[in-house]
Amino acid sequence: MTEPDYQKLVNEMRSEFKQGDDKRDAGLPTQIPEVERFDNLPYGNVAQFQLLDVYLPKKRTNEKLPVIVNIHGGGWVYGTKETYQFYCLFLAKKGFAVVNANYRLAPDVVYPGELDDINRVFHWIAKSTNANKYHFDLNNVFIVGDSAGGQMAEQILAVYTNSEYRKYFGYSVPELTIKAAALNCGLYFLTETDLIVGAPESYFRPEIRLTEHDQLNVEQYLTKALPPIFLMTSNDDFLRNSAYMLSGYLHAKNIFYEMHFYGDDNHRLGHVFHVNQKDDLAKQCNLDELDFFRKYIN
């Protein structure tokens, strides 16, 4: 059987997604008066991909800032920190230090290469020189992730909170405390979904899904050691059922979470609608998540 032309599929998906994102974000400022930004900080040795930005609220004291780590979506083949900068600037404006990272993308890397980069980001944050320079409060770290980034946010939490699962990856737990996470419009239950086709299959290759089936069954490794979860979807999110499946699973395992659903008959809200900084309901969703996080800051 001939292997699909993954690069062609990826290029088509990237072109389609970028057109939509560029239209959504047209005219938004990359600099806002409330936020100081530090761009293109290397957290690894792969130029372009292993870079991150840090956004800090300008109105701050010498006290440490709670940290939000953004794990962007894009079907494991698309997305950059530049695409998410407007969303992350909004979060920083509300009083958080925000880390907005690139990671390597398929087909240049296959599973678990992207998760490896996410792990590197957390260890970069935990490094004392970085934490001191950017005023990170390592006792109050939070995660936001959407779509593929929501899946990786769930997975890195499972890795960090379950030593049995961590053995698959060889990661060490970074010296910081993740207090809560927001999983937004994510794709979960990788071993049961039929959505890993086309471009995303360039990351989760068929042979990987076969040999690493147990490792990809992330949900079996979720425990009550997980931090509180804000689980979000919307009425026109094509991954809505995945979020509700996860909510049922978390409920059955007695893991604390809140399920949030946005949109109604008069407000059709699509996949990762919350990134749209021109939409009032998107802003309300983001404010709801920040209020959720603030409950766990100490």
C-alpha atoms as a PDB file:
ATOM      1  CA  MET A   1       0.000   0.000   0.000  1.00  0.00           C
ATOM      2  CA  THR A   2       1.383   3.390  -1.013  1.00  0.00           C
ATOM      3  CA  GLU A   3       2.004   5.832   1.839  1.00  0.00           C
ATOM      4  CA  PRO A   4      -0.041   9.047   1.567  1.00  0.00           C
ATOM      5  CA  ASP A   5       1.735  12.201   0.442  1.00  0.00           C
ATOM      6  CA  TYR A   6       1.757  13.671   3.936  1.00  0.00           C
ATOM      7  CA  GLN A   7       3.547  16.864   2.968  1.00  0.00           C
ATOM      8  CA  LYS A   8       0.919  17.635   0.337  1.00  0.00           C
ATOM      9  CA  LEU A   9      -1.901  17.003   2.817  1.00  0.00           C
ATOM     10  CA  VAL A  10      -0.189  19.154   5.437  1.00  0.00           C
ATOM     11  CA  ASN A  11       0.423  22.024   3.016  1.00  0.00           C
ATOM     12  CA  GLU A  12      -3.247  22.022   2.014  1.00  0.00           C
ATOM     13  CA  MET A  13      -4.402  22.039   5.642  1.00  0.00           C
ATOM     14  CA  ARG A  14      -1.982  24.808   6.572  1.00  0.00           C
ATOM     15  CA  SER A  15      -3.119  26.971   3.670  1.00  0.00           C
ATOM     16  CA  GLU A  16      -6.781  26.545   4.566  1.00  0.00           C
ATOM     17  CA  PHE A  17      -6.278  27.209   8.283  1.00  0.00           C
ATOM     18  CA  LYS A  18      -4.022  30.216   7.715  1.00  0.00           C
ATOM     19  CA  GLN A  19      -6.561  31.927   5.468  1.00  0.00           C
ATOM     20  CA  GLY A  20      -9.183  31.640   8.194  1.00  0.00           C
ATOM     21  CA  ASP A  21      -6.857  32.782  10.965  1.00  0.00           C
ATOM     22  CA  ASP A  22      -5.541  35.748   8.989  1.00  0.00           C
ATOM     23  CA  LYS A  23      -9.095  36.873   8.275  1.00  0.00           C
ATOM     24  CA  ARG A  24     -10.084  36.495  11.934  1.00  0.00           C
ATOM     25  CA  ASP A  25      -7.087  38.464  13.233  1.00  0.00           C
ATOM     26  CA  ALA A  26      -6.873  41.179  10.563  1.00  0.00           C
ATOM     27  CA  GLY A  27      -6.178  44.588  12.082  1.00  0.00           C
ATOM     28  CA  LEU A  28      -5.373  43.398  15.604  1.00  0.00           C
ATOM     29  CA  PRO A  29      -2.344  45.101  17.221  1.00  0.00           C
ATOM     30  CA  THR A  30       0.752  43.079  18.062  1.00  0.00           C
ATOM     31  CA  GLN A  31       1.683  45.600  20.756  1.00  0.00           C
ATOM     32  CA  ILE A  32      -0.735  46.819  23.425  1.00  0.00           C
ATOM     33  CA  PRO A  33       0.024  49.397  26.129  1.00  0.00           C
ATOM     34  CA  GLU A  34      -0.863  47.071  29.012  1.00  0.00           C
ATOM     35  CA  VAL A  35       1.639  44.325  28.105  1.00  0.00           C
ATOM     36  CA  GLU A  36       5.403  44.035  27.748  1.00  0.00           C
ATOM     37  CA  ARG A  37       6.506  41.249  25.425  1.00  0.00           C
ATOM     38  CA  PHE A  38       9.745  39.320  25.038  1.00  0.00           C
ATOM     39  CA  ASP A  39       9.880  37.476  21.728  1.00  0.00           C
ATOM     40  CA  ASN A  40      11.714  34.532  20.223  1.00  0.00           C
ATOM     41  CA  LEU A  41      13.377  33.157  23.350  1.00  0.00           C
ATOM     42  CA  PRO A  42      15.000  29.773  22.615  1.00  0.00           C
ATOM     43  CA  TYR A  43      14.033  26.821  24.813  1.00  0.00           C
ATOM     44  CA  GLY A  44      15.809  24.255  22.620  1.00  0.00           C
ATOM     45  CA  ASN A  45      18.271  24.002  19.767  1.00  0.00           C
ATOM     46  CA  VAL A  46      15.900  23.783  16.795  1.00  0.00           C
ATOM     47  CA  ALA A  47      15.710  27.250  15.265  1.00  0.00           C
ATOM     48  CA  GLN A  48      12.242  28.579  14.420  1.00  0.00           C
ATOM     49  CA  PHE A  49      10.325  25.835  16.203  1.00  0.00           C
ATOM     50  CA  GLN A  50      11.817  25.725  19.708  1.00  0.00           C
ATOM     51  CA  LEU A  51      11.128  29.375  20.440  1.00  0.00           C
ATOM     52  CA  LEU A  52       8.705  31.017  22.838  1.00  0.00           C
ATOM     53  CA  ASP A  53       7.403  34.454  23.734  1.00  0.00           C
ATOM     54  CA  VAL A  54       6.761  35.781  27.235  1.00  0.00           C
ATOM     55  CA  TYR A  55       4.086  38.425  27.815  1.00  0.00           C
ATOM     56  CA  LEU A  56       3.991  40.308  31.109  1.00  0.00           C
ATOM     57  CA  PRO A  57       1.462  42.850  32.374  1.00  0.00           C
ATOM     58  CA  LYS A  58       3.156  46.243  32.589  1.00  0.00           C
ATOM     59  CA  LYS A  59       1.168  47.193  35.670  1.00  0.00           C
ATOM     60  CA  ARG A  60       2.848  44.980  38.255  1.00  0.00           C
ATOM     61  CA  THR A  61       4.741  45.142  41.511  1.00  0.00           C
ATOM     62  CA  ASN A  62       7.899  43.244  42.342  1.00  0.00           C
ATOM     63  CA  GLU A  63       5.770  40.285  43.348  1.00  0.00           C
ATOM     64  CA  LYS A  64       5.850  37.102  41.311  1.00  0.00           C
ATOM     65  CA  LEU A  65       3.183  36.615  38.645  1.00  0.00           C
ATOM     66  CA  PRO A  66       0.979  33.565  38.155  1.00  0.00           C
ATOM     67  CA  VAL A  67       1.902  31.891  34.881  1.00  0.00           C
ATOM     68  CA  ILE A  68      -0.264  30.667  32.010  1.00  0.00           C
ATOM     69  CA  VAL A  69       1.326  28.286  29.512  1.00  0.00           C
ATOM     70  CA  ASN A  70      -0.413  28.253  26.130  1.00  0.00           C
ATOM     71  CA  ILE A  71      -0.283  25.048  24.065  1.00  0.00           C
ATOM     72  CA  HIS A  72      -1.587  26.001  20.646  1.00  0.00           C
ATOM     73  CA  GLY A  73      -3.732  23.871  18.395  1.00  0.00           C
ATOM     74  CA  GLY A  74      -3.547  23.127  14.691  1.00  0.00           C
ATOM     75  CA  GLY A  75      -4.033  19.412  14.154  1.00  0.00           C
ATOM     76  CA  TRP A  76      -0.396  18.689  15.080  1.00  0.00           C
ATOM     77  CA  VAL A  77       0.670  20.141  11.702  1.00  0.00           C
ATOM     78  CA  TYR A  78      -0.191  23.836  11.896  1.00  0.00           C
ATOM     79  CA  GLY A  79      -0.036  26.841  14.201  1.00  0.00           C
ATOM     80  CA  THR A  80       2.536  29.212  15.633  1.00  0.00           C
ATOM     81  CA  LYS A  81       2.913  31.481  18.605  1.00  0.00           C
ATOM     82  CA  GLU A  82       2.298  34.378  16.222  1.00  0.00           C
ATOM     83  CA  THR A  83      -1.145  32.973  15.441  1.00  0.00           C
ATOM     84  CA  TYR A  84      -1.925  32.927  19.169  1.00  0.00           C
ATOM     85  CA  GLN A  85      -0.250  36.180  20.181  1.00  0.00           C
ATOM     86  CA  PHE A  86      -3.467  38.224  20.257  1.00  0.00           C
ATOM     87  CA  TYR A  87      -5.226  35.705  22.492  1.00  0.00           C
ATOM     88  CA  CYS A  88      -2.200  35.490  24.793  1.00  0.00           C
ATOM     89  CA  LEU A  89      -1.831  39.275  24.993  1.00  0.00           C
ATOM     90  CA  PHE A  90      -5.397  39.422  26.283  1.00  0.00           C
ATOM     91  CA  LEU A  91      -4.563  36.894  29.014  1.00  0.00           C
ATOM     92  CA  ALA A  92      -1.443  38.821  30.020  1.00  0.00           C
ATOM     93  CA  LYS A  93      -3.405  42.071  30.185  1.00  0.00           C
ATOM     94  CA  LYS A  94      -5.503  40.478  32.931  1.00  0.00           C
ATOM     95  CA  GLY A  95      -2.553  40.044  35.281  1.00  0.00           C
ATOM     96  CA  PHE A  96      -0.815  36.821  34.275  1.00  0.00           C
ATOM     97  CA  ALA A  97       2.623  36.074  32.880  1.00  0.00           C
ATOM     98  CA  VAL A  98       1.920  34.185  29.657  1.00  0.00           C
ATOM     99  CA  VAL A  99       4.290  31.776  27.915  1.00  0.00           C
ATOM    100  CA  ASN A 100       3.349  31.325  24.259  1.00  0.00           C
ATOM    101  CA  ALA A 101       5.461  28.674  22.564  1.00  0.00           C
ATOM    102  CA  ASN A 102       6.099  27.206  19.156  1.00  0.00           C
ATOM    103  CA  TYR A 103       6.783  23.499  18.892  1.00  0.00           C
ATOM    104  CA  ARG A 104       7.961  21.267  16.056  1.00  0.00           C
ATOM    105  CA  LEU A 105       5.205  20.185  13.685  1.00  0.00           C
ATOM    106  CA  ALA A 106       4.452  17.085  11.659  1.00  0.00           C
ATOM    107  CA  PRO A 107       5.505  15.783   9.211  1.00  0.00           C
ATOM    108  CA  ASP A 108       8.964  17.008  10.282  1.00  0.00           C
ATOM    109  CA  VAL A 109       8.434  15.240  13.593  1.00  0.00           C
ATOM    110  CA  VAL A 110       6.263  12.272  14.571  1.00  0.00           C
ATOM    111  CA  TYR A 111       4.730  11.296  17.909  1.00  0.00           C
ATOM    112  CA  PRO A 112       5.835  12.000  20.630  1.00  0.00           C
ATOM    113  CA  GLY A 113       8.143  14.723  19.307  1.00  0.00           C
ATOM    114  CA  GLU A 114       5.680  17.559  19.894  1.00  0.00           C
ATOM    115  CA  LEU A 115       5.012  16.454  23.449  1.00  0.00           C
ATOM    116  CA  ASP A 116       8.781  16.364  23.964  1.00  0.00           C
ATOM    117  CA  ASP A 117       8.848  20.063  23.099  1.00  0.00           C
ATOM    118  CA  ILE A 118       5.980  20.843  25.469  1.00  0.00           C
ATOM    119  CA  ASN A 119       7.958  19.143  28.225  1.00  0.00           C
ATOM    120  CA  ARG A 120      10.995  21.283  27.325  1.00  0.00           C
ATOM    121  CA  VAL A 121       8.877  24.421  27.654  1.00  0.00           C
ATOM    122  CA  PHE A 122       7.835  23.549  31.207  1.00  0.00           C
ATOM    123  CA  HIS A 123      11.426  22.853  32.205  1.00  0.00           C
ATOM    124  CA  TRP A 124      12.499  26.170  30.659  1.00  0.00           C
ATOM    125  CA  ILE A 125       9.897  27.939  32.803  1.00  0.00           C
ATOM    126  CA  ALA A 126      11.066  26.105  35.916  1.00  0.00           C
ATOM    127  CA  LYS A 127      14.710  27.111  35.420  1.00  0.00           C
ATOM    128  CA  SER A 128      15.497  29.611  38.160  1.00  0.00           C
ATOM    129  CA  THR A 129      17.233  32.131  35.885  1.00  0.00           C
ATOM    130  CA  ASN A 130      14.158  32.321  33.656  1.00  0.00           C
ATOM    131  CA  ALA A 131      11.690  32.345  36.533  1.00  0.00           C
ATOM    132  CA  ASN A 132      13.541  35.204  38.211  1.00  0.00           C
ATOM    133  CA  LYS A 133      14.009  37.245  35.037  1.00  0.00           C
ATOM    134  CA  TYR A 134      10.354  37.057  34.032  1.00  0.00           C
ATOM    135  CA  HIS A 135       8.808  37.163  37.518  1.00  0.00           C
ATOM    136  CA  PHE A 136       7.252  33.684  37.275  1.00  0.00           C
ATOM    137  CA  ASP A 137       5.466  32.391  40.352  1.00  0.00           C
ATOM    138  CA  LEU A 138       6.354  28.714  40.036  1.00  0.00           C
ATOM    139  CA  ASN A 139       3.832  27.810  42.722  1.00  0.00           C
ATOM    140  CA  ASN A 140       0.979  29.076  40.544  1.00  0.00           C
ATOM    141  CA  VAL A 141       1.245  27.719  37.010  1.00  0.00           C
ATOM    142  CA  PHE A 142      -1.760  27.152  34.727  1.00  0.00           C
ATOM    143  CA  ILE A 143      -2.271  25.601  31.300  1.00  0.00           C
ATOM    144  CA  VAL A 144      -4.515  26.549  28.404  1.00  0.00           C
ATOM    145  CA  GLY A 145      -4.628  24.307  25.350  1.00  0.00           C
ATOM    146  CA  ASP A 146      -7.031  24.024  22.451  1.00  0.00           C
ATOM    147  CA  SER A 147      -7.755  21.367  19.829  1.00  0.00           C
ATOM    148  CA  ALA A 148      -4.503  19.384  19.399  1.00  0.00           C
ATOM    149  CA  GLY A 149      -3.057  21.608  22.124  1.00  0.00           C
ATOM    150  CA  GLY A 150      -5.891  20.540  24.419  1.00  0.00           C
ATOM    151  CA  GLN A 151      -4.991  16.922  23.785  1.00  0.00           C
ATOM    152  CA  MET A 152      -1.335  17.608  24.585  1.00  0.00           C
ATOM    153  CA  ALA A 153      -2.290  19.600  27.678  1.00  0.00           C
ATOM    154  CA  GLU A 154      -4.285  16.614  28.935  1.00  0.00           C
ATOM    155  CA  GLN A 155      -1.425  14.270  28.088  1.00  0.00           C
ATOM    156  CA  ILE A 156       1.357  16.285  29.735  1.00  0.00           C
ATOM    157  CA  LEU A 157      -0.801  16.525  32.871  1.00  0.00           C
ATOM    158  CA  ALA A 158      -1.202  12.745  32.853  1.00  0.00           C
ATOM    159  CA  VAL A 159       2.564  12.359  32.449  1.00  0.00           C
ATOM    160  CA  TYR A 160       3.419  14.734  35.290  1.00  0.00           C
ATOM    161  CA  THR A 161       0.848  13.321  37.727  1.00  0.00           C
ATOM    162  CA  ASN A 162       1.249   9.576  37.088  1.00  0.00           C
ATOM    163  CA  SER A 163       4.676   7.990  37.548  1.00  0.00           C
ATOM    164  CA  GLU A 164       3.549   4.783  35.839  1.00  0.00           C
ATOM    165  CA  TYR A 165       2.643   6.686  32.702  1.00  0.00           C
ATOM    166  CA  ARG A 166       5.744   8.875  32.909  1.00  0.00           C
ATOM    167  CA  LYS A 167       7.958   5.804  32.395  1.00  0.00           C
ATOM    168  CA  TYR A 168       6.906   5.709  28.737  1.00  0.00           C
ATOM    169  CA  PHE A 169       8.511   9.093  28.105  1.00  0.00           C
ATOM    170  CA  GLY A 170      11.473   9.377  30.450  1.00  0.00           C
ATOM    171  CA  TYR A 171      10.502  12.924  31.431  1.00  0.00           C
ATOM    172  CA  SER A 172      11.257  14.369  34.830  1.00  0.00           C
ATOM    173  CA  VAL A 173       8.650  16.460  36.605  1.00  0.00           C
ATOM    174  CA  PRO A 174       9.574  20.173  36.409  1.00  0.00           C
ATOM    175  CA  GLU A 175       9.995  22.018  39.685  1.00  0.00           C
ATOM    176  CA  LEU A 176       6.765  23.984  39.524  1.00  0.00           C
ATOM    177  CA  THR A 177       3.150  23.472  40.563  1.00  0.00           C
ATOM    178  CA  ILE A 178       0.382  23.318  37.969  1.00  0.00           C
ATOM    179  CA  LYS A 179      -2.707  24.544  39.798  1.00  0.00           C
ATOM    180  CA  ALA A 180      -5.380  24.156  37.099  1.00  0.00           C
ATOM    181  CA  ALA A 181      -5.859  23.782  33.355  1.00  0.00           C
ATOM    182  CA  ALA A 182      -8.359  24.806  30.688  1.00  0.00           C
ATOM    183  CA  LEU A 183      -8.890  22.225  27.950  1.00  0.00           C
ATOM    184  CA  ASN A 184     -10.595  23.975  25.047  1.00  0.00           C
ATOM    185  CA  CYS A 185     -12.292  22.134  22.172  1.00  0.00           C
ATOM    186  CA  GLY A 186      -9.788  19.297  22.406  1.00  0.00           C
ATOM    187  CA  LEU A 187      -9.561  15.925  20.696  1.00  0.00           C
ATOM    188  CA  TYR A 188      -9.278  13.232  23.350  1.00  0.00           C
ATOM    189  CA  PHE A 189      -9.498   9.403  23.311  1.00  0.00           C
ATOM    190  CA  LEU A 190      -6.952   9.039  20.523  1.00  0.00           C
ATOM    191  CA  THR A 191      -7.291   5.264  20.384  1.00  0.00           C
ATOM    192  CA  GLU A 192     -11.035   5.472  19.750  1.00  0.00           C
ATOM    193  CA  THR A 193     -11.357   8.382  17.336  1.00  0.00           C
ATOM    194  CA  ASP A 194     -11.685   8.136  13.566  1.00  0.00           C
ATOM    195  CA  LEU A 195     -10.494  11.730  13.115  1.00  0.00           C
ATOM    196  CA  ILE A 196      -6.764  10.963  12.902  1.00  0.00           C
ATOM    197  CA  VAL A 197      -6.795  10.943   9.106  1.00  0.00           C
ATOM    198  CA  GLY A 198      -5.175  13.022   6.401  1.00  0.00           C
ATOM    199  CA  ALA A 199      -2.664  15.584   7.641  1.00  0.00           C
ATOM    200  CA  PRO A 200      -2.894  14.680  11.393  1.00  0.00           C
ATOM    201  CA  GLU A 201      -1.935  11.118  10.469  1.00  0.00           C
ATOM    202  CA  SER A 202       1.493  12.470   9.569  1.00  0.00           C
ATOM    203  CA  TYR A 203       2.070  12.848  13.320  1.00  0.00           C
ATOM    204  CA  PHE A 204       0.224   9.776  14.575  1.00  0.00           C
ATOM    205  CA  ARG A 205       1.445   7.419  11.848  1.00  0.00           C
ATOM    206  CA  PRO A 206      -0.520   4.172  11.503  1.00  0.00           C
ATOM    207  CA  GLU A 207       2.429   2.115  12.708  1.00  0.00           C
ATOM    208  CA  ILE A 208       2.779   4.354  15.783  1.00  0.00           C
ATOM    209  CA  ARG A 209      -0.897   4.039  16.630  1.00  0.00           C
ATOM    210  CA  LEU A 210      -0.476   0.283  16.437  1.00  0.00           C
ATOM    211  CA  THR A 211       2.745  -0.104  18.453  1.00  0.00           C
ATOM    212  CA  GLU A 212       2.007   2.673  20.967  1.00  0.00           C
ATOM    213  CA  HIS A 213      -1.683   1.937  21.487  1.00  0.00           C
ATOM    214  CA  ASP A 214      -1.428   1.673  25.260  1.00  0.00           C
ATOM    215  CA  GLN A 215       0.626   4.857  25.494  1.00  0.00           C
ATOM    216  CA  LEU A 216      -1.900   6.753  23.363  1.00  0.00           C
ATOM    217  CA  ASN A 217      -4.745   5.629  25.613  1.00  0.00           C
ATOM    218  CA  VAL A 218      -4.088   8.664  27.781  1.00  0.00           C
ATOM    219  CA  GLU A 219      -7.369   8.600  29.666  1.00  0.00           C
ATOM    220  CA  GLN A 220      -6.612   5.326  31.431  1.00  0.00           C
ATOM    221  CA  TYR A 221      -3.725   7.114  33.172  1.00  0.00           C
ATOM    222  CA  LEU A 222      -5.735  10.065  34.490  1.00  0.00           C
ATOM    223  CA  THR A 223      -5.960  10.052  38.274  1.00  0.00           C
ATOM    224  CA  LYS A 224      -7.247  12.250  41.086  1.00  0.00           C
ATOM    225  CA  ALA A 225      -3.768  13.780  41.203  1.00  0.00           C
ATOM    226  CA  LEU A 226      -4.809  15.861  38.186  1.00  0.00           C
ATOM    227  CA  PRO A 227      -5.288  19.564  38.941  1.00  0.00           C
ATOM    228  CA  PRO A 228      -8.788  21.065  38.543  1.00  0.00           C
ATOM    229  CA  ILE A 229      -9.935  21.130  34.920  1.00  0.00           C
ATOM    230  CA  PHE A 230     -12.011  23.751  33.085  1.00  0.00           C
ATOM    231  CA  LEU A 231     -13.400  21.733  30.164  1.00  0.00           C
ATOM    232  CA  MET A 232     -14.854  23.802  27.333  1.00  0.00           C
ATOM    233  CA  THR A 233     -16.680  23.284  24.059  1.00  0.00           C
ATOM    234  CA  SER A 234     -19.299  25.090  21.968  1.00  0.00           C
ATOM    235  CA  ASN A 235     -22.416  24.429  19.948  1.00  0.00           C
ATOM    236  CA  ASP A 236     -20.667  24.315  16.556  1.00  0.00           C
ATOM    237  CA  ASP A 237     -17.425  22.732  17.743  1.00  0.00           C
ATOM    238  CA  PHE A 238     -16.902  19.646  15.586  1.00  0.00           C
ATOM    239  CA  LEU A 239     -15.078  18.068  18.563  1.00  0.00           C
ATOM    240  CA  ARG A 240     -17.927  18.743  20.987  1.00  0.00           C
ATOM    241  CA  ASN A 241     -18.609  15.050  21.589  1.00  0.00           C
ATOM    242  CA  SER A 242     -14.976  14.475  22.535  1.00  0.00           C
ATOM    243  CA  ALA A 243     -15.293  17.040  25.338  1.00  0.00           C
ATOM    244  CA  TYR A 244     -18.464  15.438  26.654  1.00  0.00           C
ATOM    245  CA  MET A 245     -16.865  11.995  26.551  1.00  0.00           C
ATOM    246  CA  LEU A 246     -13.998  13.340  28.639  1.00  0.00           C
ATOM    247  CA  SER A 247     -16.385  14.989  31.085  1.00  0.00           C
ATOM    248  CA  GLY A 248     -18.119  11.664  31.659  1.00  0.00           C
ATOM    249  CA  TYR A 249     -14.785   9.942  32.114  1.00  0.00           C
ATOM    250  CA  LEU A 250     -13.551  12.525  34.619  1.00  0.00           C
ATOM    251  CA  HIS A 251     -16.838  12.267  36.515  1.00  0.00           C
ATOM    252  CA  ALA A 252     -16.588   8.476  36.667  1.00  0.00           C
ATOM    253  CA  LYS A 253     -13.026   8.698  38.006  1.00  0.00           C
ATOM    254  CA  ASN A 254     -14.031  11.372  40.541  1.00  0.00           C
ATOM    255  CA  ILE A 255     -11.564  13.882  39.090  1.00  0.00           C
ATOM    256  CA  PHE A 256     -12.601  17.485  39.707  1.00  0.00           C
ATOM    257  CA  TYR A 257     -13.648  19.463  36.635  1.00  0.00           C
ATOM    258  CA  GLU A 258     -16.154  22.029  35.447  1.00  0.00           C
ATOM    259  CA  MET A 259     -17.915  21.546  32.110  1.00  0.00           C
ATOM    260  CA  HIS A 260     -18.611  24.748  30.175  1.00  0.00           C
ATOM    261  CA  PHE A 261     -20.645  25.030  26.983  1.00  0.00           C
ATOM    262  CA  TYR A 262     -20.892  28.226  24.936  1.00  0.00           C
ATOM    263  CA  GLY A 263     -23.318  29.327  22.252  1.00  0.00           C
ATOM    264  CA  ASP A 264     -27.040  29.083  21.570  1.00  0.00           C
ATOM    265  CA  ASP A 265     -29.419  29.202  18.600  1.00  0.00           C
ATOM    266  CA  ASN A 266     -28.665  32.887  18.121  1.00  0.00           C
ATOM    267  CA  HIS A 267     -24.901  32.546  18.631  1.00  0.00           C
ATOM    268  CA  ARG A 268     -23.220  29.802  16.622  1.00  0.00           C
ATOM    269  CA  LEU A 269     -19.728  29.324  18.008  1.00  0.00           C
ATOM    270  CA  GLY A 270     -17.304  27.122  16.136  1.00  0.00           C
ATOM    271  CA  HIS A 271     -14.155  25.205  16.975  1.00  0.00           C
ATOM    272  CA  VAL A 272     -11.685  27.216  19.140  1.00  0.00           C
ATOM    273  CA  PHE A 273     -13.965  30.260  18.951  1.00  0.00           C
ATOM    274  CA  HIS A 274     -12.330  31.580  22.124  1.00  0.00           C
ATOM    275  CA  VAL A 275      -9.215  32.665  20.218  1.00  0.00           C
ATOM    276  CA  ASN A 276     -11.192  35.321  18.331  1.00  0.00           C
ATOM    277  CA  GLN A 277     -10.430  38.621  20.032  1.00  0.00           C
ATOM    278  CA  LYS A 278     -13.204  40.395  18.124  1.00  0.00           C
ATOM    279  CA  ASP A 279     -15.948  38.217  19.608  1.00  0.00           C
ATOM    280  CA  ASP A 280     -17.599  39.171  22.907  1.00  0.00           C
ATOM    281  CA  LEU A 281     -18.521  35.585  23.792  1.00  0.00           C
ATOM    282  CA  ALA A 282     -14.926  34.544  23.197  1.00  0.00           C
ATOM    283  CA  LYS A 283     -13.790  37.207  25.654  1.00  0.00           C
ATOM    284  CA  GLN A 284     -16.389  36.039  28.168  1.00  0.00           C
ATOM    285  CA  CYS A 285     -15.134  32.470  27.871  1.00  0.00           C
ATOM    286  CA  ASN A 286     -11.569  33.612  28.472  1.00  0.00           C
ATOM    287  CA  LEU A 287     -12.610  35.700  31.468  1.00  0.00           C
ATOM    288  CA  ASP A 288     -14.466  32.677  32.861  1.00  0.00           C
ATOM    289  CA  GLU A 289     -11.308  30.613  32.570  1.00  0.00           C
ATOM    290  CA  LEU A 290      -9.205  33.277  34.263  1.00  0.00           C
ATOM    291  CA  ASP A 291     -11.718  33.480  37.114  1.00  0.00           C
ATOM    292  CA  PHE A 292     -11.477  29.699  37.432  1.00  0.00           C
ATOM    293  CA  PHE A 293      -7.672  29.943  37.641  1.00  0.00           C
ATOM    294  CA  ARG A 294      -7.778  32.738  40.222  1.00  0.00           C
ATOM    295  CA  LYS A 295      -9.645  30.469  42.629  1.00  0.00           C
ATOM    296  CA  TYR A 296      -6.519  28.337  42.890  1.00  0.00           C
ATOM    297  CA  ILE A 297      -3.861  31.030  43.274  1.00  0.00           C
ATOM    298  CA  ASN A 298      -2.263  31.145  46.699  1.00  0.00           C
END
